Amino acid sequence: MAAKEKKSFVLRIDGAMYDALERWAADEFRSVNGQMEWIISKALRDAGREKKVKEKRDEKK
């Protein structure tokens, strides 16, 4: 099984939002990056869009 391709990008958020995110990540024993991935993944699932993302990944294989 091939490893998932990771993409990187710049995200600019204000300091107070980053501080809150950092505290939340620490509470969950995650890095800030890991917390952001979890939040985005959950939002995609909640919006019913995760399946489409998986389908696109499968098409690339």
C-alpha atoms as a PDB file:
ATOM      1  CA  MET A   1       0.000   0.000   0.000  1.00  0.00           C
ATOM      2  CA  ALA A   2       1.394   3.374  -1.000  1.00  0.00           C
ATOM      3  CA  ALA A   3       1.866   6.055   1.634  1.00  0.00           C
ATOM      4  CA  LYS A   4      -0.509   8.989   1.521  1.00  0.00           C
ATOM      5  CA  GLU A   5       0.955  11.966  -0.261  1.00  0.00           C
ATOM      6  CA  LYS A   6       1.212  14.935   2.086  1.00  0.00           C
ATOM      7  CA  LYS A   7       0.774  18.450   0.759  1.00  0.00           C
ATOM      8  CA  SER A   8       2.070  21.520   2.542  1.00  0.00           C
ATOM      9  CA  PHE A   9       0.738  25.059   2.473  1.00  0.00           C
ATOM     10  CA  VAL A  10       0.993  28.284   4.415  1.00  0.00           C
ATOM     11  CA  LEU A  11      -1.830  29.178   6.782  1.00  0.00           C
ATOM     12  CA  ARG A  12      -2.023  32.595   8.366  1.00  0.00           C
ATOM     13  CA  ILE A  13      -4.148  32.951  11.503  1.00  0.00           C
ATOM     14  CA  ASP A  14      -4.096  35.511  14.263  1.00  0.00           C
ATOM     15  CA  GLY A  15      -2.077  34.897  17.398  1.00  0.00           C
ATOM     16  CA  ALA A  16      -5.012  34.384  19.744  1.00  0.00           C
ATOM     17  CA  MET A  17      -6.492  31.717  17.460  1.00  0.00           C
ATOM     18  CA  TYR A  18      -3.117  29.948  17.224  1.00  0.00           C
ATOM     19  CA  ASP A  19      -2.705  30.034  21.005  1.00  0.00           C
ATOM     20  CA  ALA A  20      -6.158  28.468  21.478  1.00  0.00           C
ATOM     21  CA  LEU A  21      -5.352  25.830  18.860  1.00  0.00           C
ATOM     22  CA  GLU A  22      -2.026  25.083  20.540  1.00  0.00           C
ATOM     23  CA  ARG A  23      -3.721  24.592  23.935  1.00  0.00           C
ATOM     24  CA  TRP A  24      -6.400  22.360  22.366  1.00  0.00           C
ATOM     25  CA  ALA A  25      -3.749  20.263  20.614  1.00  0.00           C
ATOM     26  CA  ALA A  26      -1.798  19.852  23.861  1.00  0.00           C
ATOM     27  CA  ASP A  27      -4.976  18.740  25.667  1.00  0.00           C
ATOM     28  CA  GLU A  28      -5.459  16.048  22.994  1.00  0.00           C
ATOM     29  CA  PHE A  29      -1.747  15.039  22.989  1.00  0.00           C
ATOM     30  CA  ARG A  30      -1.368  16.150  19.360  1.00  0.00           C
ATOM     31  CA  SER A  31       0.858  18.580  17.536  1.00  0.00           C
ATOM     32  CA  VAL A  32      -0.766  21.727  16.180  1.00  0.00           C
ATOM     33  CA  ASN A  33      -0.411  20.254  12.690  1.00  0.00           C
ATOM     34  CA  GLY A  34      -2.031  17.000  13.802  1.00  0.00           C
ATOM     35  CA  GLN A  35      -4.858  18.927  15.442  1.00  0.00           C
ATOM     36  CA  MET A  36      -5.469  20.900  12.246  1.00  0.00           C
ATOM     37  CA  GLU A  37      -5.588  17.657  10.225  1.00  0.00           C
ATOM     38  CA  TRP A  38      -8.068  16.180  12.709  1.00  0.00           C
ATOM     39  CA  ILE A  39     -10.281  19.298  12.607  1.00  0.00           C
ATOM     40  CA  ILE A  40     -10.299  19.368   8.809  1.00  0.00           C
ATOM     41  CA  SER A  41     -10.966  15.635   8.574  1.00  0.00           C
ATOM     42  CA  LYS A  42     -13.888  15.917  11.008  1.00  0.00           C
ATOM     43  CA  ALA A  43     -15.313  18.894   9.117  1.00  0.00           C
ATOM     44  CA  LEU A  44     -15.122  16.942   5.840  1.00  0.00           C
ATOM     45  CA  ARG A  45     -16.904  13.959   7.423  1.00  0.00           C
ATOM     46  CA  ASP A  46     -19.566  16.172   9.003  1.00  0.00           C
ATOM     47  CA  ALA A  47     -20.188  17.899   5.659  1.00  0.00           C
ATOM     48  CA  GLY A  48     -20.434  14.566   3.848  1.00  0.00           C
ATOM     49  CA  ARG A  49     -17.424  15.354   1.670  1.00  0.00           C
ATOM     50  CA  GLU A  50     -14.858  12.851   2.925  1.00  0.00           C
ATOM     51  CA  LYS A  51     -16.084  10.115   0.579  1.00  0.00           C
ATOM     52  CA  LYS A  52     -15.389  12.354  -2.420  1.00  0.00           C
ATOM     53  CA  VAL A  53     -11.833  12.945  -1.176  1.00  0.00           C
ATOM     54  CA  LYS A  54     -11.280   9.187  -0.821  1.00  0.00           C
ATOM     55  CA  GLU A  55     -12.719   8.565  -4.304  1.00  0.00           C
ATOM     56  CA  LYS A  56     -10.285  11.071  -5.818  1.00  0.00           C
ATOM     57  CA  ARG A  57      -7.370   9.390  -4.008  1.00  0.00           C
ATOM     58  CA  ASP A  58      -8.447   5.995  -5.332  1.00  0.00           C
ATOM     59  CA  GLU A  59      -8.692   7.368  -8.886  1.00  0.00           C
ATOM     60  CA  LYS A  60      -5.036   8.494  -8.716  1.00  0.00           C
ATOM     61  CA  LYS A  61      -3.835   4.944  -7.922  1.00  0.00           C
END
